[in-house]
Structure formats: C-alpha cells, structure tokens
Amino acid sequence: MERHYNYARQALEDHFGAQRLSSIVTSRRQFASHVLPDLQSALIAEADRYEPVLFGLHQSHPMQSLHASAMLIMGDQALQIAPVQRFDVDIGTDQPFSAISNGLWLFEVDGEPVGVILSRLVEPRARYSIVEVITLPQSVSFTTSLFETLTNAAKTSQLYRGKTLSFESASDYSGMRSDMLVHRVPPVSRDKVILEDATLQRVERHVLEHIYHRQGLRELGQSTRKGILLYGPPGTGKTHLIRYLTSQLPEHTTILVTAEQVANLGMYMTMARALQPSVFVLEDVDLIGRSREGMGGACSTEATLNRLLNEMDGLGEEAEILFILTTNRPGAIEEALASRPGRIDEAIEVPLPDADCRARLLALYGKALTFEEGTIAATVAATQGASASFMKELVRRFAQFSLACGKDGRVPMADAAAVVGDALGSRTAIGGKLLGFHT
C-alpha cells in the first residue's frame, strides 16, 4: 500500500484485488454530526490495531455524501484521492479536536482486506457523519463489531461528558465549526449566592442532597429522577443559582435548553439519557408551557409542551437526570406541568432580595469600593422591591459616579443618594422593568 494513487478505485483495486471488487459488501450508518469527535476517536482506535493507511477523498459537494459505489466509477467522474482535510472542533478542552472531514482507511483483519469511509453529509436542516464499511463476504462480522463499538462511543460520549452543552452555533472568532456548543461557565461558590438562608437550604436539599443520596434511594426502591421548578420575578438570580448548583456537580453533564431551542427537544433528551448523570436545564418554560387559554392558535406550542411532559414521564425511575425548569411567570404555567407528579417534584420561589440580601449584594458587587459609614444601610432602605440585577447595576453606577468625580472608588453617602435617586427616577413603566425594579 505504498503506491501513489490518483483515484480511489486504484487504491481499492490494489487493496481488494481487481477481480474481487464485484464481490465486496458494504454497510453504512448515519450518525448525528455532533458525535463526530467521539465517533472518529473510536474509529481510529479500532483501525490503529491493524496498521491502516489513511487517504483523503475529494468531496465535490457536502450535500452529496461519499460512498463506496462512487469510488468504483471510472473515467471523468472517477473519485479522486486528495489531501486529508481536517477542521477544529471545540470540545471544551485547552486544545480543539482535529476532526477529519472525510477519509478512507484501508487495512487487513485476519489477512482479509477491509476499508472504512468516514464522510460528512450536509442537508438543509441537519448534518450527519456517515461511516461505511467495505469488506468481502467472509469478513462481514468485522462490520458488526465495528458498528457496535462506534454506536457505543456515540451514545456514551467521553469527550463531552461532564461539560455544559447546547445545540448552538459558536459566537466567537476562533474559526472552529461545531454542531454543539461547549459553554465555559465560570464556577459559582456558595458565598456568591445571595438568597435567604431558608430558600438556599431548600434548593440544596432538593438538588444536592437528593443527588448525594441517589444510591441509597435506589437501594430503597425509590426514584432517582428529579424535577424542580424555580420561579420568581426577572432578575432575582435563577440562572445564577443554577450555575451554583451545576458547579457543585462536576461529574454531571449539563444540558442547556431555551424555549427557542425546544424544536431540538428529542436530541437534547437523547443526550441527557446518554450522558447520565446529567442536569437538564430548560429556562423560561412558560414560553412553551403557558396555559391553553393563552395559547390562541399556537398548536405547535401545545404539542411541544405535551412532548416535554411525555419525555419526562417516559424516563425510567432509575434515570439519573435532574430537570431544572425556570419561569418568571408561574401563573402562566400549564397546570399539568406545575402539578402532575413525576414531572415536577417541587416548585421553589426565588424571591426578590430582602433587606439583608440587598446589603450582602452591595457588599459582594462593591467589594472594590469604599463606602462611607451608613451608605449601605441608607441604600438598602431606599431600594425595597429591587431585584438582584438592579442592585448589581446600582453598584456599577456607584463606581462610575465615583470615577467621574475623581474619587477613585470612594462612595460618600451623598453621592450614593444621588445615584439611587437617579436610578429610581427612571422607573417609568418600561424603565423599571429594564432595571429590575418591582413594585
């Protein structure tokens, strides 16, 4: 196999023998494109046992997949050998994964020739990774074994396990392309979660304590599946709280879903099952789960809601999947979602911060500022009804005002009162909502 080939047919003739090309047997499998890194890793690990030779193939159009029969064509339409084309995929590690766009591996198994084609297929609504195995009739058992290995690798992804994932396009300028986005979420420690103690302890009991006792619950015949609903006004820190919880569960894969992405619900649920233990986060569930009275003609919304309920209910009792749903409008949630057992086990309010929490928020976000004595207490008294996001914005305004006045981070009480007054003065019907102030 050291010869130089211009066309794929030449390589196949040399490898299988020209007289036996008419006897070859092929089998193809189509995989979701986001599993390509795990799929390719498993394929190379298996092929490397047999000292393979790898060739690149010229794929004239990504919407036309490569296949063995195309390699046998002669003349002007003959499939050409080309350099192996690679592209980088972000898998959440320091170095990207070097993925092969398409390739042909040729090797021998027990003295018999085998070929494996890996290619990509782009369709209007989806992308796929396709593996085709070429053997002689007496070697078809290798095909079965290889596909079992590849299927297991795709289902139990080791490269994405324990990471935070969603089906979104990357928004940076790295030039890497991927069909799944790996989020680099900064860890959140407990002291950075500003909630009433009773609320935080309740959340931890229903999430962290439940997961800690999963094995014991299973041994006692109890379900290890769990679903909670976090509700409260906008800006109270529901997303921040979820980041804290997932920070405490590093062995869990976190699946992020927004209401706009529920069209991919099936893929998300498949991933959550495959990468157990997992955390399935669906934010703003009211956008797909609002009451039927408010749905109007949005049949697709109702269908998606029912599909979500069915997916949650269809999981086995031993499924190690934690569902966390959030909403700003608990009254708009479909009654079945909020009350039917087996879907949501607990609804927990994430309220507006009380006076103590507002003081802690000022101290947390303003740790680099120097507050005049009494300033924090006065600010807390003036901000009844403010959300956590409002308090964070208020501290930013304190800092900006201090810099504009040349005070380098010092916040006298009079300055703070002026900034608070300006902020509260902007509480028009829409201004208050934008700032996160609720009255």
Protein backbone atom coordinates (compact mmCIF):
# COMPACT_ATOMS: atom_id res chain seq x y z
CA MET A 1 0.00 0.00 0.00
CA GLU A 2 2.93 2.34 -0.52
CA ARG A 3 1.99 3.21 -4.09
CA HIS A 4 0.77 6.65 -5.11
CA TYR A 5 -2.84 6.73 -6.27
CA ASN A 6 -4.69 9.39 -8.19
CA TYR A 7 -8.11 7.80 -7.83
CA ALA A 8 -9.96 5.92 -5.08
CA ARG A 9 -10.66 2.99 -7.44
CA GLN A 10 -6.94 2.41 -7.88
CA ALA A 11 -6.47 2.12 -4.13
CA LEU A 12 -9.42 -0.27 -3.80
CA GLU A 13 -8.19 -2.45 -6.70
CA ASP A 14 -4.78 -2.71 -5.14
CA HIS A 15 -6.19 -3.45 -1.70
CA PHE A 16 -9.05 -5.86 -2.53
CA GLY A 17 -7.81 -7.13 -5.90
CA ALA A 18 -9.35 -6.03 -9.17
CA GLN A 19 -11.06 -9.41 -9.66
CA ARG A 20 -12.79 -9.23 -6.28
CA LEU A 21 -14.21 -5.70 -6.41
CA SER A 22 -17.50 -7.04 -7.73
CA SER A 23 -17.78 -9.21 -4.59
CA ILE A 24 -17.32 -6.51 -1.95
CA VAL A 25 -20.04 -5.95 0.66
CA THR A 26 -20.73 -2.53 2.14
CA SER A 27 -22.76 -1.31 5.11
CA ARG A 28 -23.48 2.29 6.12
CA ARG A 29 -24.54 4.01 9.33
CA GLN A 30 -25.61 7.64 9.70
CA PHE A 31 -24.80 9.44 12.95
CA ALA A 32 -25.69 12.91 14.21
CA SER A 33 -22.80 15.20 13.31
CA HIS A 34 -22.23 16.45 16.86
CA VAL A 35 -20.93 12.99 17.87
CA LEU A 36 -18.13 13.16 15.26
CA PRO A 37 -15.28 13.65 17.78
CA ASP A 38 -16.24 10.54 19.78
CA LEU A 39 -17.07 8.63 16.61
CA GLN A 40 -13.74 9.44 14.96
CA SER A 41 -11.76 8.69 18.12
CA ALA A 42 -13.35 5.25 18.39
CA LEU A 43 -12.87 4.57 14.67
CA ILE A 44 -9.18 5.48 14.73
CA ALA A 45 -8.58 3.47 17.91
CA GLU A 46 -10.11 0.42 16.27
CA ALA A 47 -8.36 0.88 12.91
CA ASP A 48 -4.97 1.52 14.51
CA ARG A 49 -4.94 -2.07 15.74
CA TYR A 50 -4.39 -3.11 12.12
CA GLU A 51 -1.81 -0.55 10.92
CA PRO A 52 -4.11 1.22 8.45
CA VAL A 53 -3.32 3.59 5.61
CA LEU A 54 -5.43 6.74 5.50
CA PHE A 55 -6.38 8.55 2.29
CA GLY A 56 -8.26 11.79 1.82
CA LEU A 57 -11.07 11.91 -0.71
CA HIS A 58 -12.28 14.72 -2.91
CA GLN A 59 -15.86 15.51 -1.93
CA SER A 60 -17.14 17.87 -4.59
CA HIS A 61 -20.21 18.94 -2.65
CA PRO A 62 -21.06 18.45 1.06
CA MET A 63 -24.69 17.76 0.17
CA GLN A 64 -23.60 14.67 -1.78
CA SER A 65 -22.26 12.03 0.57
CA LEU A 66 -19.34 9.80 -0.34
CA HIS A 67 -19.95 6.09 -0.75
CA ALA A 68 -18.13 3.01 -1.94
CA SER A 69 -20.01 2.68 -5.20
CA ALA A 70 -18.87 6.17 -6.24
CA MET A 71 -15.27 5.05 -5.78
CA LEU A 72 -15.67 2.36 -8.40
CA ILE A 73 -16.62 4.81 -11.15
CA MET A 74 -14.01 5.24 -13.88
CA GLY A 75 -13.50 7.96 -16.43
CA ASP A 76 -14.21 11.66 -15.95
CA GLN A 77 -16.41 11.01 -12.91
CA ALA A 78 -13.77 8.99 -11.05
CA LEU A 79 -13.42 9.93 -7.37
CA GLN A 80 -10.03 11.46 -6.75
CA ILE A 81 -7.62 10.90 -3.88
CA ALA A 82 -6.98 14.22 -2.11
CA PRO A 83 -5.17 15.50 0.98
CA VAL A 84 -6.86 14.55 4.24
CA GLN A 85 -8.99 17.56 5.18
CA ARG A 86 -9.32 18.42 8.87
CA PHE A 87 -11.17 21.05 10.84
CA ASP A 88 -11.00 22.01 14.50
CA VAL A 89 -13.92 21.31 16.84
CA ASP A 90 -14.21 22.90 20.26
CA ILE A 91 -14.84 20.16 22.83
CA GLY A 92 -14.24 22.34 25.88
CA THR A 93 -10.56 21.48 26.37
CA ASP A 94 -7.44 23.59 26.01
CA GLN A 95 -6.78 22.13 22.57
CA PRO A 96 -9.52 21.67 19.95
CA PHE A 97 -10.29 18.28 18.48
CA SER A 98 -8.83 17.76 14.99
CA ALA A 99 -11.76 16.28 13.08
CA ILE A 100 -11.46 14.60 9.68
CA SER A 101 -13.91 15.87 7.10
CA ASN A 102 -13.71 12.66 5.09
CA GLY A 103 -11.27 9.81 4.78
CA LEU A 104 -10.70 6.25 3.61
CA TRP A 105 -8.90 3.78 5.89
CA LEU A 106 -7.55 0.59 4.28
CA PHE A 107 -6.21 -2.28 6.38
CA GLU A 108 -6.38 -6.04 6.84
CA VAL A 109 -8.21 -8.03 9.52
CA ASP A 110 -7.10 -11.64 9.87
CA GLY A 111 -5.47 -11.40 6.46
CA GLU A 112 -8.62 -10.13 4.74
CA PRO A 113 -8.90 -6.60 3.22
CA VAL A 114 -11.18 -4.05 4.89
CA GLY A 115 -11.97 -0.43 4.04
CA VAL A 116 -13.77 2.21 6.13
CA ILE A 117 -15.08 5.51 4.79
CA LEU A 118 -15.85 8.46 7.09
CA SER A 119 -17.66 11.40 5.49
CA ARG A 120 -19.96 14.29 6.29
CA LEU A 121 -23.37 14.98 4.76
CA VAL A 122 -24.99 18.41 4.91
CA GLU A 123 -28.76 18.64 4.47
CA PRO A 124 -30.92 21.77 4.68
CA ARG A 125 -31.98 21.08 8.27
CA ALA A 126 -29.31 18.73 9.59
CA ARG A 127 -25.74 17.48 9.30
CA TYR A 128 -24.56 13.90 9.62
CA SER A 129 -21.39 11.88 9.97
CA ILE A 130 -21.53 8.73 7.84
CA VAL A 131 -19.46 5.60 8.27
CA GLU A 132 -19.38 2.95 5.55
CA VAL A 133 -17.51 -0.33 5.97
CA ILE A 134 -16.24 -2.26 2.92
CA THR A 135 -15.41 -5.96 3.28
CA LEU A 136 -15.52 -9.24 1.42
CA PRO A 137 -18.41 -11.58 2.33
CA GLN A 138 -16.28 -13.67 4.70
CA SER A 139 -15.40 -10.62 6.81
CA VAL A 140 -18.83 -9.10 7.46
CA SER A 141 -18.58 -9.98 11.16
CA PHE A 142 -15.98 -7.22 11.47
CA THR A 143 -18.62 -4.75 10.26
CA THR A 144 -21.00 -5.77 13.03
CA SER A 145 -18.29 -5.48 15.66
CA LEU A 146 -17.10 -2.08 14.43
CA PHE A 147 -20.58 -0.58 14.37
CA GLU A 148 -21.22 -1.82 17.91
CA THR A 149 -18.06 -0.03 19.01
CA LEU A 150 -18.94 3.18 17.18
CA THR A 151 -22.54 3.20 18.41
CA ASN A 152 -21.41 2.77 22.00
CA ALA A 153 -18.88 5.61 21.59
CA ALA A 154 -21.56 7.91 20.18
CA LYS A 155 -24.06 7.04 22.91
CA THR A 156 -21.69 7.33 25.87
CA SER A 157 -19.56 10.27 24.75
CA GLN A 158 -16.39 10.56 26.81
CA LEU A 159 -15.23 13.80 25.20
CA TYR A 160 -18.36 15.78 26.15
CA ARG A 161 -19.18 14.08 29.44
CA GLY A 162 -19.21 16.36 32.47
CA LYS A 163 -19.42 19.56 30.39
CA THR A 164 -22.09 22.17 29.77
CA LEU A 165 -23.63 21.75 26.32
CA SER A 166 -26.25 23.13 23.97
CA PHE A 167 -27.05 22.88 20.27
CA GLU A 168 -25.99 26.37 19.28
CA SER A 169 -23.53 27.86 16.87
CA ALA A 170 -20.37 29.28 18.40
CA SER A 171 -20.34 33.08 18.50
CA ASP A 172 -16.60 33.76 18.81
CA TYR A 173 -13.98 34.37 16.13
CA SER A 174 -12.00 31.17 16.53
CA GLY A 175 -12.95 29.87 13.10
CA MET A 176 -13.83 26.48 14.60
CA ARG A 177 -17.08 24.92 13.49
CA SER A 178 -19.21 22.63 15.55
CA ASP A 179 -22.78 21.46 15.74
CA MET A 180 -22.73 21.59 19.53
CA LEU A 181 -21.55 24.43 21.74
CA VAL A 182 -19.48 23.73 24.85
CA HIS A 183 -20.10 26.50 27.37
CA ARG A 184 -17.26 27.62 29.60
CA VAL A 185 -19.30 28.61 32.63
CA PRO A 186 -17.31 30.18 35.49
CA PRO A 187 -17.84 28.24 38.72
CA VAL A 188 -20.03 29.88 41.35
CA SER A 189 -19.23 29.28 45.02
CA ARG A 190 -21.89 29.23 47.75
CA ASP A 191 -20.83 32.57 49.19
CA LYS A 192 -21.61 34.17 45.81
CA VAL A 193 -25.25 33.06 46.02
CA ILE A 194 -27.21 35.78 47.81
CA LEU A 195 -30.52 34.27 48.88
CA GLU A 196 -32.46 33.94 52.08
CA ASP A 197 -30.96 31.03 54.01
CA ALA A 198 -34.24 29.13 54.06
CA THR A 199 -34.58 29.33 50.26
CA LEU A 200 -31.00 28.29 49.56
CA GLN A 201 -31.19 25.40 52.02
CA ARG A 202 -34.42 24.24 50.42
CA VAL A 203 -32.85 24.26 46.98
CA GLU A 204 -29.79 22.38 48.23
CA ARG A 205 -31.98 19.80 49.97
CA HIS A 206 -33.98 19.08 46.83
CA VAL A 207 -30.98 19.04 44.50
CA LEU A 208 -27.59 18.43 46.10
CA GLU A 209 -28.83 16.28 48.98
CA HIS A 210 -31.03 14.27 46.64
CA ILE A 211 -28.10 13.54 44.34
CA TYR A 212 -25.81 12.72 47.28
CA HIS A 213 -28.30 10.05 48.42
CA ARG A 214 -29.13 8.67 44.98
CA GLN A 215 -27.55 5.28 45.57
CA GLY A 216 -29.30 4.87 48.90
CA LEU A 217 -32.62 5.89 47.38
CA ARG A 218 -32.15 3.33 44.62
CA GLU A 219 -31.44 0.61 47.16
CA LEU A 220 -34.63 1.55 48.99
CA GLY A 221 -36.62 1.25 45.79
CA GLN A 222 -37.10 4.98 45.28
CA SER A 223 -36.85 7.02 42.09
CA THR A 224 -33.58 8.78 41.37
CA ARG A 225 -35.15 11.04 38.77
CA LYS A 226 -35.89 14.57 39.96
CA GLY A 227 -37.57 17.70 38.64
CA ILE A 228 -37.78 21.16 40.20
CA LEU A 229 -39.25 24.45 39.07
CA LEU A 230 -37.55 27.72 40.03
CA TYR A 231 -39.89 30.69 39.77
CA GLY A 232 -39.79 34.35 40.63
CA PRO A 233 -39.59 37.84 39.09
CA PRO A 234 -36.96 38.60 36.46
CA GLY A 235 -33.52 39.44 37.79
CA THR A 236 -33.73 37.53 41.06
CA GLY A 237 -30.85 35.20 40.20
CA LYS A 238 -32.44 31.97 38.98
CA THR A 239 -29.77 31.45 36.32
CA HIS A 240 -27.04 32.35 38.82
CA LEU A 241 -28.47 29.79 41.24
CA ILE A 242 -28.39 27.11 38.53
CA ARG A 243 -24.73 27.90 37.87
CA TYR A 244 -24.01 27.39 41.56
CA LEU A 245 -25.80 24.04 41.57
CA THR A 246 -24.00 22.76 38.48
CA SER A 247 -20.69 23.96 39.94
CA GLN A 248 -21.32 21.54 42.80
CA LEU A 249 -21.97 18.68 40.36
CA PRO A 250 -18.78 18.44 38.28
CA GLU A 251 -19.43 14.81 37.39
CA HIS A 252 -22.76 15.74 35.79
CA THR A 253 -23.22 16.78 32.18
CA THR A 254 -25.34 19.93 31.98
CA ILE A 255 -27.70 20.28 29.02
CA LEU A 256 -28.88 23.87 28.43
CA VAL A 257 -32.14 24.45 26.58
CA THR A 258 -34.02 27.67 25.92
CA ALA A 259 -37.60 27.97 24.75
CA GLU A 260 -36.34 28.87 21.29
CA GLN A 261 -34.44 25.58 21.05
CA VAL A 262 -37.20 23.16 22.03
CA ALA A 263 -37.52 22.12 18.41
CA ASN A 264 -34.42 20.02 19.18
CA LEU A 265 -36.01 18.54 22.29
CA GLY A 266 -35.55 14.98 21.10
CA MET A 267 -31.82 15.46 20.55
CA TYR A 268 -31.46 17.14 23.95
CA MET A 269 -33.29 14.32 25.71
CA THR A 270 -31.23 11.69 23.90
CA MET A 271 -28.07 13.44 25.04
CA ALA A 272 -29.33 13.73 28.61
CA ARG A 273 -30.01 9.99 28.71
CA ALA A 274 -26.70 9.07 27.11
CA LEU A 275 -24.57 11.29 29.34
CA GLN A 276 -26.14 10.41 32.68
CA PRO A 277 -25.79 11.62 35.33
CA SER A 278 -27.00 14.82 33.76
CA VAL A 279 -28.74 18.10 34.54
CA PHE A 280 -31.38 19.17 32.02
CA VAL A 281 -31.97 22.93 32.27
CA LEU A 282 -34.94 24.46 30.46
CA GLU A 283 -35.23 28.20 31.07
CA ASP A 284 -38.36 30.30 30.53
CA VAL A 285 -40.55 27.24 30.34
CA ASP A 286 -43.63 29.48 30.36
CA LEU A 287 -42.85 30.37 26.76
CA ILE A 288 -43.67 26.82 25.74
CA GLY A 289 -45.88 25.89 28.70
CA ARG A 290 -48.31 28.77 29.03
CA SER A 291 -51.93 27.88 29.74
CA ARG A 292 -54.02 26.65 26.87
CA GLU A 293 -56.31 29.64 27.29
CA GLY A 294 -53.38 31.89 26.37
CA MET A 295 -52.10 29.81 23.52
CA GLY A 296 -54.52 31.03 20.91
CA GLY A 297 -53.68 29.21 17.70
CA ALA A 298 -50.18 28.19 18.68
CA CYS A 299 -50.73 24.47 18.21
CA SER A 300 -47.02 23.83 17.91
CA THR A 301 -46.53 25.27 21.42
CA GLU A 302 -49.07 22.92 22.93
CA ALA A 303 -47.58 19.99 21.06
CA THR A 304 -44.11 20.85 22.34
CA LEU A 305 -45.38 21.08 25.90
CA ASN A 306 -47.04 17.68 25.67
CA ARG A 307 -43.89 16.26 24.16
CA LEU A 308 -41.82 17.61 27.05
CA LEU A 309 -44.20 16.05 29.59
CA ASN A 310 -44.11 12.74 27.77
CA GLU A 311 -40.32 12.76 27.60
CA MET A 312 -40.07 13.44 31.34
CA ASP A 313 -42.69 10.85 32.20
CA GLY A 314 -41.17 8.23 29.89
CA LEU A 315 -37.86 8.07 31.68
CA GLY A 316 -37.22 5.08 33.91
CA GLU A 317 -37.35 5.53 37.66
CA GLU A 318 -33.58 4.93 37.80
CA ALA A 319 -32.76 7.67 35.33
CA GLU A 320 -30.09 9.90 36.84
CA ILE A 321 -31.43 13.07 35.24
CA LEU A 322 -32.18 16.24 37.18
CA PHE A 323 -34.66 18.56 35.46
CA ILE A 324 -34.47 22.24 36.40
CA LEU A 325 -37.12 24.43 34.81
CA THR A 326 -37.38 28.20 35.33
CA THR A 327 -40.09 30.76 34.78
CA ASN A 328 -40.75 34.41 35.51
CA ARG A 329 -44.50 33.83 35.27
CA PRO A 330 -45.62 30.88 37.43
CA GLY A 331 -49.27 31.80 36.91
CA ALA A 332 -48.89 31.23 33.18
CA ILE A 333 -47.52 27.71 33.52
CA GLU A 334 -49.65 24.90 32.18
CA GLU A 335 -51.35 23.26 35.15
CA ALA A 336 -50.21 19.78 34.17
CA LEU A 337 -46.57 20.87 34.16
CA ALA A 338 -46.79 22.54 37.55
CA SER A 339 -48.72 19.91 39.46
CA ARG A 340 -48.55 16.45 37.91
CA PRO A 341 -46.33 14.16 39.98
CA GLY A 342 -43.45 12.54 38.18
CA ARG A 343 -42.68 15.67 36.22
CA ILE A 344 -42.06 18.42 38.75
CA ASP A 345 -41.44 17.29 42.31
CA GLU A 346 -41.00 20.72 43.87
CA ALA A 347 -41.63 24.36 42.95
CA ILE A 348 -39.30 26.80 44.70
CA GLU A 349 -39.68 30.56 44.67
CA VAL A 350 -36.57 32.65 44.12
CA PRO A 351 -37.86 35.90 45.63
CA LEU A 352 -36.76 39.48 45.47
CA PRO A 353 -33.91 40.08 47.91
CA ASP A 354 -34.90 41.23 51.37
CA ALA A 355 -33.00 43.95 53.23
CA ASP A 356 -30.30 41.60 54.45
CA CYS A 357 -29.77 40.17 50.97
CA ARG A 358 -29.65 43.63 49.41
CA ALA A 359 -26.92 44.62 51.88
CA ARG A 360 -24.99 41.45 51.03
CA LEU A 361 -25.37 42.15 47.31
CA LEU A 362 -23.94 45.65 47.76
CA ALA A 363 -21.01 44.19 49.68
CA LEU A 364 -20.44 41.45 47.11
CA TYR A 365 -20.51 43.59 43.98
CA GLY A 366 -18.97 46.61 45.67
CA LYS A 367 -16.06 44.85 47.36
CA ALA A 368 -13.58 47.07 45.47
CA LEU A 369 -15.41 50.26 46.55
CA THR A 370 -15.08 52.15 49.80
CA PHE A 371 -18.49 53.06 51.23
CA GLU A 372 -18.88 55.85 53.75
CA GLU A 373 -20.36 54.66 57.04
CA GLY A 374 -24.13 54.40 56.80
CA THR A 375 -24.17 54.42 52.99
CA ILE A 376 -25.05 50.75 52.57
CA ALA A 377 -27.83 50.93 55.17
CA ALA A 378 -29.33 54.00 53.53
CA THR A 379 -29.17 52.39 50.09
CA VAL A 380 -30.84 49.23 51.37
CA ALA A 381 -33.65 51.27 52.89
CA ALA A 382 -34.24 53.09 49.60
CA THR A 383 -34.33 50.01 47.38
CA GLN A 384 -37.27 47.98 48.69
CA GLY A 385 -38.57 45.94 45.73
CA ALA A 386 -35.25 45.90 43.86
CA SER A 387 -34.01 42.72 42.20
CA ALA A 388 -30.52 41.31 42.48
CA SER A 389 -29.81 42.52 38.95
CA PHE A 390 -30.88 46.05 39.96
CA MET A 391 -28.51 46.02 42.92
CA LYS A 392 -25.63 44.90 40.68
CA GLU A 393 -26.37 47.70 38.23
CA LEU A 394 -26.61 50.17 41.10
CA VAL A 395 -23.10 49.27 42.27
CA ARG A 396 -21.79 49.79 38.75
CA ARG A 397 -23.35 53.25 38.78
CA PHE A 398 -21.73 53.98 42.14
CA ALA A 399 -18.35 53.06 40.68
CA GLN A 400 -18.85 55.12 37.54
CA PHE A 401 -20.01 58.17 39.51
CA SER A 402 -17.01 57.85 41.83
CA LEU A 403 -14.60 57.75 38.90
CA ALA A 404 -16.30 60.68 37.18
CA CYS A 405 -15.88 62.73 40.37
CA GLY A 406 -12.24 61.70 40.75
CA LYS A 407 -12.89 59.83 43.99
CA ASP A 408 -11.27 56.54 42.86
CA GLY A 409 -13.85 54.16 44.25
CA ARG A 410 -14.91 56.11 47.37
CA VAL A 411 -18.70 56.35 47.73
CA PRO A 412 -19.87 59.07 50.15
CA MET A 413 -23.47 58.88 51.35
CA ALA A 414 -24.49 62.00 49.41
CA ASP A 415 -23.13 60.57 46.16
CA ALA A 416 -24.87 57.28 46.74
CA ALA A 417 -28.14 59.07 47.43
CA ALA A 418 -27.78 61.00 44.16
CA VAL A 419 -27.13 57.81 42.18
CA VAL A 420 -30.03 55.98 43.84
CA GLY A 421 -32.32 58.92 43.18
CA ASP A 422 -31.34 58.96 39.53
CA ALA A 423 -31.93 55.23 39.22
CA LEU A 424 -35.30 55.37 40.97
CA GLY A 425 -36.26 58.40 38.93
CA SER A 426 -36.01 56.31 35.74
CA ARG A 427 -38.72 53.96 36.92
CA THR A 428 -41.13 54.56 34.08
CA ALA A 429 -43.37 51.69 33.09
CA ILE A 430 -40.64 50.17 30.98
CA GLY A 431 -37.64 51.67 32.77
CA GLY A 432 -38.35 49.86 35.99
CA LYS A 433 -38.62 46.53 34.19
CA LEU A 434 -35.36 47.12 32.36
CA LEU A 435 -33.57 47.86 35.65
CA GLY A 436 -35.19 45.00 37.53
CA PHE A 437 -37.22 47.03 39.98
CA HIS A 438 -40.56 45.53 41.03
CA THR A 439 -43.26 47.37 42.88
